[in-house]
Every structure is written in C-alpha cells, then in structure tokens.
Amino acid sequence: MKILIGTPIRDVKGYCIYEWLDSVKALEYKFDVLLVDNSDTEDFVDRVATHCERIKLDARIIPLGGMRGKTVYERIALSHKRIRKEVLKGGYDYWFSLECDNIVPADTLDILLAEIEDAEVVRHFYPEKTRPHIEVDGIGCALFKRRILEDFKLGEYGMCDLLEPKRVYSSDNWLYLRLWREKVKIKDLHNFLDIKHLQ
C-alpha cells in the first residue's frame, strides 16, 4: 500500500513549518512526503530542505515558481493540481492531505486507514485557529482513495460552478461539493484525533 502525504507549503507558514515537519517525521506508518512550495521565491525551499535533512525526513520538495502576484486561491489550486499529478504518476493508493499548520498524533494514519474501509474519503474535523471551540471541515486532515483523484480534478477554483455561477470556491471546497453531488461516501470524524491547529 502506497500513501503520499502531499502538502502545499509557503513562506508565510514559516512560523509553524518546523514543528509540522517534526510531527510528520513522528507519524507511525510508511509513506512518502511531497511538499509543493508556492512561495514567491525559492528561499523557503532551502530552509525546509535543511530542516528535513536535520531530522532525517525524506521529503521531496517541488517549487512551483512564478507565484509572485498570485492570490492564495491560485497558489493552493496550483499546488493541489501538482499533488494530484504526482499521486497518479507515482501509483499511490492514497493521498493524505495534511495542511502544514495541523499537528496530528503519531497514530493518525492507522486511525484514518481503519475508517476509510467503507468510504472513499475520510476527513477529521479540526479546531479553528483563533476559536478552538469551533470545528473546521476542510482538507486539512483528510485521506483520499486513489479513485477520487482519478475521477475528479484538483486545482479548480473561483467561479467554476455552472449551477451557482456567482459563487467563489477554493480548490478544496469545490472538490468536496462535486463529491457530495456525485454521492461519493465521505466519512466525517470528530474527536478521534487530538489535532493542534497552529496560529
């Protein structure tokens, strides 16, 4: 079984990236790590690569380049597009989407894999940064079976919905909406994991 942790990173996450990388290193499962950097320059890639080497985390880092002037929506969408390409090209069975400001327990993958047997996607809700009593249901801690990435594109955002043409979507919200419309089984988890959402 092949699992890819594929995560967009950016220099604005410098405040939490080392703690996040340490937590990824501590995960108790065999996986590959792909970090897609959408910073304006490649300086952040060097910092991340140095820390990965220090903690002996084997991570592949792809700098997208040409990001200056692009919106957050664009940066993340382009990162997701690249992650999808790498999942399909690399023959991975699962994509573990773990945002680079979410710290999860070491046994997270064991728990998500056990829960995904009767679903196509398992996502764990996590606390909002500034209001931890409120849960967030995005793509920050979610496991996707390969079929989802075969059947659905990543990296689409903005006014992309013909049914609601004036509504703006992020890449992850647009993906989830299409999954719901197609009646793909998504399992939502609460309180299985003690997730720390870094500010």
Foldseek 3Di string as FASTA:
>chain_A
DEEEAQEEDEVVCVVQQLVLLVLVVLADDDYAYEYEYLYADCPVVVVNVVSCVVSVNHHHYHYPYPNPPPDPLQSVLVSQQVVLVCCVVVVGFKYWYAYSQKRWHNHLVVVQVVVCPPFQKEFEWAADAVGRVDTDTWSNTMMGGNVLSVVDGFRDWQQPDPVDRHDTGRRGVVSVVVCVVVVGGYHYDYPPIHMDGYD
